[in-house]
Amino acid sequence: MTALGRGGVEVTSLGLGVAALGNLYTPVGDEQAHATVQAAWERGIRYFDTAPHYGLGLSERRLGAALREYDRADYTVSTKVGRRLEPDDGTGDDLANGFAVPATHRRVWDFTADGVRRTLEASLERLGLDRVDVVYLHDPDDHAEEAFREGYPALEKLRSEGVVGAIGAGMNQAEMLTRFVRDTDVDVVLCAGRYTLLDQSAATELLPEAVRRGVSVVIGGAFNSGLLADPTRRPTYDYTRAPQELLDRALRIEEVAERHGTTLRAAALAFCSAHPAVASVLAGARSAAEVHDCADQFATPVPDAFWRELRATGLLPPEEPS
């Protein structure tokens, strides 16, 4: 277990992201969702990340239900604020937002102090918990002023009151996360898709700044939404069809991995976890089989010769750790 920032909240080096349990793209049954969390527990995973956004609260409800059989002191949960759920008429579905659930609620962007507290209270109710360990400001890309002026101070107050243990921001970009690291007292930032075998943009400023300031980084999107999991099967990159240039690059990296007796998935996870700023890597899974595969790949050694060849051929910058 690794402590986040300078606080007492700890996470396992491999965590489970449960967006898929909110019916991301396609439905997942309740039993399958429960088995997914159970498999993670069996493999030693004790850090679980969710959000109201994931399936209009379904992910939180399912995660909370699955964790009830375990001692609360033995696991870490993070959720997010910034999208407040308001009841809707329930007609239609939420597929436009990526989730195969009925449109029972609508999302309202809200990074106000009141919105942060109300959103967290609703998350606790769905999770069936009296506290969560980590709260992230979720995707404040277009709401920077409100997030810094109201959202962050609200989280800081919740932390000082002992309502949450650690606070931060979670985004699909590195630039604003760097600002959070520099200008606030966050414990951790969640950076999705910007530190992978295909995109090292977080290495320019975010990760070095996090090391300097003692802020932890959690990496999401290690597989870039599918391309690095299996580039041969209708691959997606950042949740859209993968550009041919990146597909070709992923296939080349996969060839190198196979030549060195490892896998692309193992290399993708190992790359993310190697940087000294990184406290945990979140693996998204929608079944017990996917959890077991991720845990197996995470535990698979990746030969030094593989990294040397990637650098020698320009598939990885020479300065990147691995």
C-alpha atoms as a PDB file:
ATOM      1  CA  MET A   1       0.000   0.000   0.000  1.00  0.00           C
ATOM      2  CA  THR A   2       1.175   3.528  -0.828  1.00  0.00           C
ATOM      3  CA  ALA A   3       0.130   6.698   0.980  1.00  0.00           C
ATOM      4  CA  LEU A   4      -1.412   9.476  -1.120  1.00  0.00           C
ATOM      5  CA  GLY A   5       0.562  12.684  -0.796  1.00  0.00           C
ATOM      6  CA  ARG A   6       1.428  13.490   2.768  1.00  0.00           C
ATOM      7  CA  GLY A   7      -1.819  12.134   4.218  1.00  0.00           C
ATOM      8  CA  GLY A   8      -2.812   8.819   5.702  1.00  0.00           C
ATOM      9  CA  VAL A   9      -4.987   7.449   2.875  1.00  0.00           C
ATOM     10  CA  GLU A  10      -3.362   4.419   1.253  1.00  0.00           C
ATOM     11  CA  VAL A  11      -3.933   2.710  -2.084  1.00  0.00           C
ATOM     12  CA  THR A  12      -2.765  -0.512  -3.685  1.00  0.00           C
ATOM     13  CA  SER A  13      -0.443  -0.202  -6.668  1.00  0.00           C
ATOM     14  CA  LEU A  14      -3.199  -1.693  -8.828  1.00  0.00           C
ATOM     15  CA  GLY A  15      -6.697  -0.307  -8.377  1.00  0.00           C
ATOM     16  CA  LEU A  16     -10.057  -1.115  -9.953  1.00  0.00           C
ATOM     17  CA  GLY A  17     -11.910   1.536 -11.937  1.00  0.00           C
ATOM     18  CA  VAL A  18     -15.595   0.653 -12.033  1.00  0.00           C
ATOM     19  CA  ALA A  19     -17.002   2.836 -14.798  1.00  0.00           C
ATOM     20  CA  ALA A  20     -17.890  -0.361 -16.658  1.00  0.00           C
ATOM     21  CA  LEU A  21     -20.107  -1.422 -13.761  1.00  0.00           C
ATOM     22  CA  GLY A  22     -22.238   1.590 -14.643  1.00  0.00           C
ATOM     23  CA  ASN A  23     -23.012  -0.125 -17.973  1.00  0.00           C
ATOM     24  CA  LEU A  24     -20.352   1.698 -19.960  1.00  0.00           C
ATOM     25  CA  TYR A  25     -21.402   1.200 -23.619  1.00  0.00           C
ATOM     26  CA  THR A  26     -23.113  -2.157 -22.929  1.00  0.00           C
ATOM     27  CA  PRO A  27     -25.097  -3.610 -20.017  1.00  0.00           C
ATOM     28  CA  VAL A  28     -23.477  -5.537 -17.186  1.00  0.00           C
ATOM     29  CA  GLY A  29     -25.667  -7.677 -14.927  1.00  0.00           C
ATOM     30  CA  ASP A  30     -25.753  -7.284 -11.146  1.00  0.00           C
ATOM     31  CA  GLU A  31     -24.179 -10.699 -10.576  1.00  0.00           C
ATOM     32  CA  GLN A  32     -21.388  -9.977 -13.036  1.00  0.00           C
ATOM     33  CA  ALA A  33     -20.722  -6.620 -11.402  1.00  0.00           C
ATOM     34  CA  HIS A  34     -20.545  -8.243  -7.962  1.00  0.00           C
ATOM     35  CA  ALA A  35     -18.211 -10.962  -9.262  1.00  0.00           C
ATOM     36  CA  THR A  36     -15.944  -8.303 -10.785  1.00  0.00           C
ATOM     37  CA  VAL A  37     -15.414  -6.590  -7.432  1.00  0.00           C
ATOM     38  CA  GLN A  38     -15.079  -9.934  -5.682  1.00  0.00           C
ATOM     39  CA  ALA A  39     -12.354 -11.015  -8.136  1.00  0.00           C
ATOM     40  CA  ALA A  40     -10.489  -7.762  -7.500  1.00  0.00           C
ATOM     41  CA  TRP A  41     -10.579  -8.442  -3.778  1.00  0.00           C
ATOM     42  CA  GLU A  42      -9.291 -11.988  -4.322  1.00  0.00           C
ATOM     43  CA  ARG A  43      -6.357 -10.558  -6.267  1.00  0.00           C
ATOM     44  CA  GLY A  44      -5.369  -8.162  -3.496  1.00  0.00           C
ATOM     45  CA  ILE A  45      -6.864  -4.999  -4.979  1.00  0.00           C
ATOM     46  CA  ARG A  46      -8.032  -2.675  -2.210  1.00  0.00           C
ATOM     47  CA  TYR A  47      -8.490   0.600  -4.081  1.00  0.00           C
ATOM     48  CA  PHE A  48     -11.751   1.191  -5.958  1.00  0.00           C
ATOM     49  CA  ASP A  49     -12.626   4.288  -8.007  1.00  0.00           C
ATOM     50  CA  THR A  50     -16.110   5.334  -9.062  1.00  0.00           C
ATOM     51  CA  ALA A  51     -18.186   8.472  -9.840  1.00  0.00           C
ATOM     52  CA  PRO A  52     -21.827   9.604 -10.054  1.00  0.00           C
ATOM     53  CA  HIS A  53     -21.262  10.117 -13.790  1.00  0.00           C
ATOM     54  CA  TYR A  54     -20.771   6.380 -14.335  1.00  0.00           C
ATOM     55  CA  GLY A  55     -24.197   5.075 -15.238  1.00  0.00           C
ATOM     56  CA  LEU A  56     -26.065   7.880 -13.453  1.00  0.00           C
ATOM     57  CA  GLY A  57     -25.079   6.456 -10.074  1.00  0.00           C
ATOM     58  CA  LEU A  58     -25.339   2.761 -10.986  1.00  0.00           C
ATOM     59  CA  SER A  59     -21.589   2.218 -10.625  1.00  0.00           C
ATOM     60  CA  GLU A  60     -21.622   3.656  -7.100  1.00  0.00           C
ATOM     61  CA  ARG A  61     -24.616   1.555  -6.061  1.00  0.00           C
ATOM     62  CA  ARG A  62     -23.091  -1.645  -7.375  1.00  0.00           C
ATOM     63  CA  LEU A  63     -19.678  -0.961  -5.864  1.00  0.00           C
ATOM     64  CA  GLY A  64     -21.192  -0.187  -2.477  1.00  0.00           C
ATOM     65  CA  ALA A  65     -23.289  -3.361  -2.545  1.00  0.00           C
ATOM     66  CA  ALA A  66     -20.287  -5.515  -3.437  1.00  0.00           C
ATOM     67  CA  LEU A  67     -18.057  -4.029  -0.737  1.00  0.00           C
ATOM     68  CA  ARG A  68     -20.538  -4.517   2.100  1.00  0.00           C
ATOM     69  CA  GLU A  69     -19.206  -7.984   2.871  1.00  0.00           C
ATOM     70  CA  TYR A  70     -15.743  -6.597   3.646  1.00  0.00           C
ATOM     71  CA  ASP A  71     -14.352  -4.675   6.609  1.00  0.00           C
ATOM     72  CA  ARG A  72     -14.531  -0.938   5.872  1.00  0.00           C
ATOM     73  CA  ALA A  73     -11.056  -0.401   7.289  1.00  0.00           C
ATOM     74  CA  ASP A  74      -9.557  -2.741   4.689  1.00  0.00           C
ATOM     75  CA  TYR A  75     -10.264  -0.824   1.474  1.00  0.00           C
ATOM     76  CA  THR A  76     -10.056   2.633  -0.088  1.00  0.00           C
ATOM     77  CA  VAL A  77     -12.835   4.216  -2.164  1.00  0.00           C
ATOM     78  CA  SER A  78     -12.643   7.318  -4.304  1.00  0.00           C
ATOM     79  CA  THR A  79     -15.536   9.083  -5.971  1.00  0.00           C
ATOM     80  CA  LYS A  80     -15.952  12.419  -7.714  1.00  0.00           C
ATOM     81  CA  VAL A  81     -17.861  15.693  -7.609  1.00  0.00           C
ATOM     82  CA  GLY A  82     -18.727  18.220 -10.276  1.00  0.00           C
ATOM     83  CA  ARG A  83     -21.610  16.473 -12.006  1.00  0.00           C
ATOM     84  CA  ARG A  84     -24.668  16.669  -9.766  1.00  0.00           C
ATOM     85  CA  LEU A  85     -27.488  14.223 -10.607  1.00  0.00           C
ATOM     86  CA  GLU A  86     -30.992  15.656 -10.831  1.00  0.00           C
ATOM     87  CA  PRO A  87     -34.112  13.477 -11.369  1.00  0.00           C
ATOM     88  CA  ASP A  88     -35.373  13.412 -14.955  1.00  0.00           C
ATOM     89  CA  ASP A  89     -38.461  11.971 -16.634  1.00  0.00           C
ATOM     90  CA  GLY A  90     -36.739   8.624 -17.253  1.00  0.00           C
ATOM     91  CA  THR A  91     -37.640   8.406 -20.916  1.00  0.00           C
ATOM     92  CA  GLY A  92     -34.967   7.179 -23.286  1.00  0.00           C
ATOM     93  CA  ASP A  93     -31.472   6.066 -22.338  1.00  0.00           C
ATOM     94  CA  ASP A  94     -28.106   7.563 -21.476  1.00  0.00           C
ATOM     95  CA  LEU A  95     -26.147   6.148 -24.415  1.00  0.00           C
ATOM     96  CA  ALA A  96     -25.379   9.638 -25.694  1.00  0.00           C
ATOM     97  CA  ASN A  97     -23.194   9.936 -22.597  1.00  0.00           C
ATOM     98  CA  GLY A  98     -21.794   6.437 -23.036  1.00  0.00           C
ATOM     99  CA  PHE A  99     -23.898   4.448 -20.571  1.00  0.00           C
ATOM    100  CA  ALA A 100     -26.557   1.837 -21.312  1.00  0.00           C
ATOM    101  CA  VAL A 101     -28.940   2.872 -18.533  1.00  0.00           C
ATOM    102  CA  PRO A 102     -32.364   4.542 -18.460  1.00  0.00           C
ATOM    103  CA  ALA A 103     -32.194   8.330 -18.390  1.00  0.00           C
ATOM    104  CA  THR A 104     -33.654   8.564 -14.888  1.00  0.00           C
ATOM    105  CA  HIS A 105     -31.445  11.557 -14.046  1.00  0.00           C
ATOM    106  CA  ARG A 106     -29.651  14.367 -15.802  1.00  0.00           C
ATOM    107  CA  ARG A 107     -26.179  15.664 -15.047  1.00  0.00           C
ATOM    108  CA  VAL A 108     -25.772  19.257 -13.916  1.00  0.00           C
ATOM    109  CA  TRP A 109     -22.289  20.748 -13.871  1.00  0.00           C
ATOM    110  CA  ASP A 110     -21.828  22.121 -10.376  1.00  0.00           C
ATOM    111  CA  PHE A 111     -18.486  22.930  -8.724  1.00  0.00           C
ATOM    112  CA  THR A 112     -19.994  25.286  -6.150  1.00  0.00           C
ATOM    113  CA  ALA A 113     -19.383  24.613  -2.469  1.00  0.00           C
ATOM    114  CA  ASP A 114     -23.026  23.664  -2.011  1.00  0.00           C
ATOM    115  CA  GLY A 115     -22.937  21.475  -5.111  1.00  0.00           C
ATOM    116  CA  VAL A 116     -19.829  19.644  -3.893  1.00  0.00           C
ATOM    117  CA  ARG A 117     -21.429  18.811  -0.544  1.00  0.00           C
ATOM    118  CA  ARG A 118     -24.758  17.790  -2.055  1.00  0.00           C
ATOM    119  CA  THR A 119     -23.085  15.589  -4.658  1.00  0.00           C
ATOM    120  CA  LEU A 120     -20.912  13.887  -2.053  1.00  0.00           C
ATOM    121  CA  GLU A 121     -23.879  13.291   0.260  1.00  0.00           C
ATOM    122  CA  ALA A 122     -25.777  11.623  -2.589  1.00  0.00           C
ATOM    123  CA  SER A 123     -22.743   9.473  -3.430  1.00  0.00           C
ATOM    124  CA  LEU A 124     -22.475   8.301   0.181  1.00  0.00           C
ATOM    125  CA  GLU A 125     -26.125   7.303   0.104  1.00  0.00           C
ATOM    126  CA  ARG A 126     -25.693   5.329  -3.120  1.00  0.00           C
ATOM    127  CA  LEU A 127     -22.513   3.679  -1.853  1.00  0.00           C
ATOM    128  CA  GLY A 128     -24.080   2.911   1.514  1.00  0.00           C
ATOM    129  CA  LEU A 129     -21.013   4.323   3.274  1.00  0.00           C
ATOM    130  CA  ASP A 130     -20.566   6.928   5.981  1.00  0.00           C
ATOM    131  CA  ARG A 131     -17.371   8.212   4.348  1.00  0.00           C
ATOM    132  CA  VAL A 132     -15.235   7.963   1.265  1.00  0.00           C
ATOM    133  CA  ASP A 133     -11.468   8.144   1.392  1.00  0.00           C
ATOM    134  CA  VAL A 134     -10.720  10.262  -1.683  1.00  0.00           C
ATOM    135  CA  VAL A 135     -12.803  12.843  -3.555  1.00  0.00           C
ATOM    136  CA  TYR A 136     -11.782  14.225  -6.943  1.00  0.00           C
ATOM    137  CA  LEU A 137     -13.107  17.264  -8.794  1.00  0.00           C
ATOM    138  CA  HIS A 138     -14.289  15.512 -11.951  1.00  0.00           C
ATOM    139  CA  ASP A 139     -13.390  16.956 -15.378  1.00  0.00           C
ATOM    140  CA  PRO A 140     -13.463  20.674 -14.539  1.00  0.00           C
ATOM    141  CA  ASP A 141     -11.989  21.492 -17.983  1.00  0.00           C
ATOM    142  CA  ASP A 142     -14.644  24.078 -18.878  1.00  0.00           C
ATOM    143  CA  HIS A 143     -15.299  25.155 -15.302  1.00  0.00           C
ATOM    144  CA  ALA A 144     -11.830  26.122 -14.105  1.00  0.00           C
ATOM    145  CA  GLU A 145     -12.813  29.380 -12.384  1.00  0.00           C
ATOM    146  CA  GLU A 146     -15.599  27.787 -10.357  1.00  0.00           C
ATOM    147  CA  ALA A 147     -13.526  24.692  -9.575  1.00  0.00           C
ATOM    148  CA  PHE A 148     -10.589  26.676  -8.209  1.00  0.00           C
ATOM    149  CA  ARG A 149     -12.652  29.392  -6.535  1.00  0.00           C
ATOM    150  CA  GLU A 150     -15.336  27.209  -4.913  1.00  0.00           C
ATOM    151  CA  GLY A 151     -14.928  23.502  -5.596  1.00  0.00           C
ATOM    152  CA  TYR A 152     -11.387  23.094  -4.339  1.00  0.00           C
ATOM    153  CA  PRO A 153     -11.898  25.161  -1.127  1.00  0.00           C
ATOM    154  CA  ALA A 154     -15.018  23.081  -0.425  1.00  0.00           C
ATOM    155  CA  LEU A 155     -12.968  19.888  -0.657  1.00  0.00           C
ATOM    156  CA  GLU A 156     -10.239  21.403   1.489  1.00  0.00           C
ATOM    157  CA  LYS A 157     -12.830  22.172   4.164  1.00  0.00           C
ATOM    158  CA  LEU A 158     -14.237  18.643   4.001  1.00  0.00           C
ATOM    159  CA  ARG A 159     -10.728  17.292   4.470  1.00  0.00           C
ATOM    160  CA  SER A 160     -10.067  19.573   7.443  1.00  0.00           C
ATOM    161  CA  GLU A 161     -13.356  18.421   8.992  1.00  0.00           C
ATOM    162  CA  GLY A 162     -12.299  14.783   8.581  1.00  0.00           C
ATOM    163  CA  VAL A 163     -15.219  14.024   6.245  1.00  0.00           C
ATOM    164  CA  VAL A 164     -12.760  12.815   3.568  1.00  0.00           C
ATOM    165  CA  GLY A 165      -9.170  11.729   3.887  1.00  0.00           C
ATOM    166  CA  ALA A 166      -7.642  12.966   0.630  1.00  0.00           C
ATOM    167  CA  ILE A 167      -8.675  15.395  -2.106  1.00  0.00           C
ATOM    168  CA  GLY A 168      -7.698  16.071  -5.686  1.00  0.00           C
ATOM    169  CA  ALA A 169      -8.857  16.377  -9.271  1.00  0.00           C
ATOM    170  CA  GLY A 170      -9.383  13.817 -12.012  1.00  0.00           C
ATOM    171  CA  MET A 171      -9.091  14.732 -15.686  1.00  0.00           C
ATOM    172  CA  ASN A 172      -8.151  13.551 -19.172  1.00  0.00           C
ATOM    173  CA  GLN A 173      -5.572  16.307 -19.525  1.00  0.00           C
ATOM    174  CA  ALA A 174      -2.303  17.148 -17.797  1.00  0.00           C
ATOM    175  CA  GLU A 175      -2.198  20.951 -18.017  1.00  0.00           C
ATOM    176  CA  MET A 176      -4.912  21.835 -15.509  1.00  0.00           C
ATOM    177  CA  LEU A 177      -3.849  19.009 -13.226  1.00  0.00           C
ATOM    178  CA  THR A 178      -0.403  20.629 -13.130  1.00  0.00           C
ATOM    179  CA  ARG A 179      -2.086  23.856 -12.010  1.00  0.00           C
ATOM    180  CA  PHE A 180      -3.836  21.968  -9.202  1.00  0.00           C
ATOM    181  CA  VAL A 181      -0.498  20.526  -8.098  1.00  0.00           C
ATOM    182  CA  ARG A 182       1.203  23.939  -8.165  1.00  0.00           C
ATOM    183  CA  ASP A 183      -1.521  26.210  -6.860  1.00  0.00           C
ATOM    184  CA  THR A 184      -3.421  24.119  -4.316  1.00  0.00           C
ATOM    185  CA  ASP A 185      -2.779  21.655  -1.517  1.00  0.00           C
ATOM    186  CA  VAL A 186      -4.229  18.566  -3.198  1.00  0.00           C
ATOM    187  CA  ASP A 187      -3.052  15.152  -2.044  1.00  0.00           C
ATOM    188  CA  VAL A 188      -3.483  13.399  -5.370  1.00  0.00           C
ATOM    189  CA  VAL A 189      -4.486  13.898  -8.996  1.00  0.00           C
ATOM    190  CA  LEU A 190      -6.022  11.284 -11.277  1.00  0.00           C
ATOM    191  CA  CYS A 191      -4.616  11.585 -14.797  1.00  0.00           C
ATOM    192  CA  ALA A 192      -6.418   9.489 -17.416  1.00  0.00           C
ATOM    193  CA  GLY A 193      -4.811   8.574 -20.723  1.00  0.00           C
ATOM    194  CA  ARG A 194      -2.000  11.123 -20.647  1.00  0.00           C
ATOM    195  CA  TYR A 195       0.759   8.877 -19.374  1.00  0.00           C
ATOM    196  CA  THR A 196       0.749   5.726 -21.466  1.00  0.00           C
ATOM    197  CA  LEU A 197       2.877   3.931 -24.024  1.00  0.00           C
ATOM    198  CA  LEU A 198       1.200   6.117 -26.664  1.00  0.00           C
ATOM    199  CA  ASP A 199       0.950   9.472 -24.872  1.00  0.00           C
ATOM    200  CA  GLN A 200       3.525  10.791 -22.424  1.00  0.00           C
ATOM    201  CA  SER A 201       2.272  14.396 -22.271  1.00  0.00           C
ATOM    202  CA  ALA A 202       1.927  14.192 -18.475  1.00  0.00           C
ATOM    203  CA  ALA A 203       5.685  13.621 -18.211  1.00  0.00           C
ATOM    204  CA  THR A 204       6.523  17.134 -19.397  1.00  0.00           C
ATOM    205  CA  GLU A 205       5.317  19.061 -16.342  1.00  0.00           C
ATOM    206  CA  LEU A 206       2.715  17.206 -14.300  1.00  0.00           C
ATOM    207  CA  LEU A 207       4.711  14.214 -13.089  1.00  0.00           C
ATOM    208  CA  PRO A 208       7.949  16.099 -12.286  1.00  0.00           C
ATOM    209  CA  GLU A 209       5.953  18.786 -10.463  1.00  0.00           C
ATOM    210  CA  ALA A 210       4.076  16.124  -8.495  1.00  0.00           C
ATOM    211  CA  VAL A 211       7.376  14.586  -7.395  1.00  0.00           C
ATOM    212  CA  ARG A 212       8.740  17.980  -6.355  1.00  0.00           C
ATOM    213  CA  ARG A 213       5.678  18.852  -4.294  1.00  0.00           C
ATOM    214  CA  GLY A 214       4.965  15.446  -2.781  1.00  0.00           C
ATOM    215  CA  VAL A 215       1.630  15.025  -4.583  1.00  0.00           C
ATOM    216  CA  SER A 216       0.629  11.519  -5.646  1.00  0.00           C
ATOM    217  CA  VAL A 217      -0.601  10.634  -9.117  1.00  0.00           C
ATOM    218  CA  VAL A 218      -3.115   7.922  -9.938  1.00  0.00           C
ATOM    219  CA  ILE A 219      -3.047   6.848 -13.574  1.00  0.00           C
ATOM    220  CA  GLY A 220      -6.245   5.915 -15.376  1.00  0.00           C
ATOM    221  CA  GLY A 221      -6.678   4.873 -18.986  1.00  0.00           C
ATOM    222  CA  ALA A 222      -3.485   2.816 -19.133  1.00  0.00           C
ATOM    223  CA  PHE A 223      -4.837   1.092 -22.238  1.00  0.00           C
ATOM    224  CA  ASN A 224      -6.002   4.376 -23.844  1.00  0.00           C
ATOM    225  CA  SER A 225      -9.605   3.080 -23.781  1.00  0.00           C
ATOM    226  CA  GLY A 226      -8.759  -0.158 -25.580  1.00  0.00           C
ATOM    227  CA  LEU A 227      -6.051   0.395 -28.153  1.00  0.00           C
ATOM    228  CA  LEU A 228      -3.288  -0.906 -25.874  1.00  0.00           C
ATOM    229  CA  ALA A 229      -5.420  -3.781 -24.608  1.00  0.00           C
ATOM    230  CA  ASP A 230      -5.893  -5.392 -28.001  1.00  0.00           C
ATOM    231  CA  PRO A 231      -5.068  -3.363 -31.125  1.00  0.00           C
ATOM    232  CA  THR A 232      -6.381  -6.110 -33.403  1.00  0.00           C
ATOM    233  CA  ARG A 233     -10.039  -5.904 -32.280  1.00  0.00           C
ATOM    234  CA  ARG A 234     -11.904  -2.774 -33.391  1.00  0.00           C
ATOM    235  CA  PRO A 235      -9.619  -0.634 -31.249  1.00  0.00           C
ATOM    236  CA  THR A 236     -10.647   2.682 -29.725  1.00  0.00           C
ATOM    237  CA  TYR A 237      -8.411   5.482 -28.525  1.00  0.00           C
ATOM    238  CA  ASP A 238      -9.763   8.035 -26.064  1.00  0.00           C
ATOM    239  CA  TYR A 239     -13.224   6.514 -26.573  1.00  0.00           C
ATOM    240  CA  THR A 240     -13.299   7.056 -30.352  1.00  0.00           C
ATOM    241  CA  ARG A 241     -12.017   5.085 -33.321  1.00  0.00           C
ATOM    242  CA  ALA A 242      -8.236   4.816 -33.144  1.00  0.00           C
ATOM    243  CA  PRO A 243      -6.302   6.885 -35.720  1.00  0.00           C
ATOM    244  CA  GLN A 244      -4.327   4.721 -38.120  1.00  0.00           C
ATOM    245  CA  GLU A 245      -1.003   6.233 -37.041  1.00  0.00           C
ATOM    246  CA  LEU A 246      -1.561   5.260 -33.415  1.00  0.00           C
ATOM    247  CA  LEU A 247      -2.926   1.851 -34.395  1.00  0.00           C
ATOM    248  CA  ASP A 248       0.237   1.154 -36.383  1.00  0.00           C
ATOM    249  CA  ARG A 249       2.373   2.265 -33.460  1.00  0.00           C
ATOM    250  CA  ALA A 250       0.491   0.053 -31.016  1.00  0.00           C
ATOM    251  CA  LEU A 251       0.895  -2.925 -33.325  1.00  0.00           C
ATOM    252  CA  ARG A 252       4.626  -2.266 -33.574  1.00  0.00           C
ATOM    253  CA  ILE A 253       4.944  -2.128 -29.785  1.00  0.00           C
ATOM    254  CA  GLU A 254       2.955  -5.357 -29.541  1.00  0.00           C
ATOM    255  CA  GLU A 255       5.367  -7.048 -31.968  1.00  0.00           C
ATOM    256  CA  VAL A 256       8.321  -5.968 -29.827  1.00  0.00           C
ATOM    257  CA  ALA A 257       6.594  -7.247 -26.688  1.00  0.00           C
ATOM    258  CA  GLU A 258       5.930 -10.656 -28.230  1.00  0.00           C
ATOM    259  CA  ARG A 259       9.516 -10.873 -29.413  1.00  0.00           C
ATOM    260  CA  HIS A 260      10.670 -10.352 -25.840  1.00  0.00           C
ATOM    261  CA  GLY A 261       8.258 -12.875 -24.362  1.00  0.00           C
ATOM    262  CA  THR A 262       5.812 -10.456 -22.807  1.00  0.00           C
ATOM    263  CA  THR A 263       2.504  -8.827 -23.773  1.00  0.00           C
ATOM    264  CA  LEU A 264       1.360  -5.379 -24.780  1.00  0.00           C
ATOM    265  CA  ARG A 265      -1.014  -5.265 -21.809  1.00  0.00           C
ATOM    266  CA  ALA A 266       1.740  -6.105 -19.343  1.00  0.00           C
ATOM    267  CA  ALA A 267       3.980  -3.451 -20.874  1.00  0.00           C
ATOM    268  CA  ALA A 268       1.214  -0.831 -20.795  1.00  0.00           C
ATOM    269  CA  LEU A 269       0.573  -1.387 -17.085  1.00  0.00           C
ATOM    270  CA  ALA A 270       4.265  -1.606 -16.211  1.00  0.00           C
ATOM    271  CA  PHE A 271       5.018   1.648 -18.009  1.00  0.00           C
ATOM    272  CA  CYS A 272       2.380   3.572 -16.061  1.00  0.00           C
ATOM    273  CA  SER A 273       3.449   2.245 -12.682  1.00  0.00           C
ATOM    274  CA  ALA A 274       7.185   2.850 -13.143  1.00  0.00           C
ATOM    275  CA  HIS A 275       7.227   6.613 -12.655  1.00  0.00           C
ATOM    276  CA  PRO A 276       8.102   7.670  -9.083  1.00  0.00           C
ATOM    277  CA  ALA A 277       5.106  10.046  -8.955  1.00  0.00           C
ATOM    278  CA  VAL A 278       2.614   7.246  -9.573  1.00  0.00           C
ATOM    279  CA  ALA A 279       0.962   5.703  -6.516  1.00  0.00           C
ATOM    280  CA  SER A 280      -1.580   3.502  -8.288  1.00  0.00           C
ATOM    281  CA  VAL A 281      -2.739   2.439 -11.736  1.00  0.00           C
ATOM    282  CA  LEU A 282      -6.476   1.967 -12.251  1.00  0.00           C
ATOM    283  CA  ALA A 283      -7.537  -0.953 -14.409  1.00  0.00           C
ATOM    284  CA  GLY A 284     -11.066  -0.823 -15.785  1.00  0.00           C
ATOM    285  CA  ALA A 285     -12.871  -4.162 -15.905  1.00  0.00           C
ATOM    286  CA  ARG A 286     -16.385  -5.411 -16.506  1.00  0.00           C
ATOM    287  CA  SER A 287     -15.949  -9.067 -15.501  1.00  0.00           C
ATOM    288  CA  ALA A 288     -14.028 -11.295 -13.139  1.00  0.00           C
ATOM    289  CA  ALA A 289     -12.070 -12.674 -16.102  1.00  0.00           C
ATOM    290  CA  GLU A 290     -10.900  -9.176 -17.057  1.00  0.00           C
ATOM    291  CA  VAL A 291      -9.856  -8.480 -13.461  1.00  0.00           C
ATOM    292  CA  HIS A 292      -7.819 -11.685 -13.310  1.00  0.00           C
ATOM    293  CA  ASP A 293      -6.186 -10.878 -16.635  1.00  0.00           C
ATOM    294  CA  CYS A 294      -5.247  -7.361 -15.501  1.00  0.00           C
ATOM    295  CA  ALA A 295      -3.830  -8.683 -12.236  1.00  0.00           C
ATOM    296  CA  ASP A 296      -1.856 -11.342 -14.116  1.00  0.00           C
ATOM    297  CA  GLN A 297      -0.499  -8.797 -16.588  1.00  0.00           C
ATOM    298  CA  PHE A 298       0.381  -6.350 -13.811  1.00  0.00           C
ATOM    299  CA  ALA A 299       2.417  -9.084 -12.103  1.00  0.00           C
ATOM    300  CA  THR A 300       4.193 -10.129 -15.314  1.00  0.00           C
ATOM    301  CA  PRO A 301       7.834  -8.973 -15.473  1.00  0.00           C
ATOM    302  CA  VAL A 302       8.709  -6.954 -18.561  1.00  0.00           C
ATOM    303  CA  PRO A 303      12.314  -7.541 -19.717  1.00  0.00           C
ATOM    304  CA  ASP A 304      14.748  -4.620 -19.758  1.00  0.00           C
ATOM    305  CA  ALA A 305      15.595  -5.546 -23.343  1.00  0.00           C
ATOM    306  CA  PHE A 306      12.021  -4.693 -24.354  1.00  0.00           C
ATOM    307  CA  TRP A 307      12.359  -1.137 -23.039  1.00  0.00           C
ATOM    308  CA  ARG A 308      15.778  -0.749 -24.641  1.00  0.00           C
ATOM    309  CA  GLU A 309      14.381  -1.729 -28.037  1.00  0.00           C
ATOM    310  CA  LEU A 310      11.439   0.667 -27.710  1.00  0.00           C
ATOM    311  CA  ARG A 311      13.835   3.522 -27.000  1.00  0.00           C
ATOM    312  CA  ALA A 312      16.281   2.499 -29.732  1.00  0.00           C
ATOM    313  CA  THR A 313      13.520   2.399 -32.343  1.00  0.00           C
ATOM    314  CA  GLY A 314      11.875   5.661 -31.244  1.00  0.00           C
ATOM    315  CA  LEU A 315       8.705   3.954 -29.985  1.00  0.00           C
ATOM    316  CA  LEU A 316       9.411   5.389 -26.530  1.00  0.00           C
ATOM    317  CA  PRO A 317      11.293   8.572 -25.600  1.00  0.00           C
ATOM    318  CA  PRO A 318      14.746   7.826 -24.188  1.00  0.00           C
ATOM    319  CA  GLU A 319      14.127   9.607 -20.905  1.00  0.00           C
ATOM    320  CA  GLU A 320      10.963   7.734 -19.862  1.00  0.00           C
ATOM    321  CA  PRO A 321      11.250   5.424 -16.836  1.00  0.00           C
ATOM    322  CA  SER A 322      10.237   1.798 -17.092  1.00  0.00           C
END
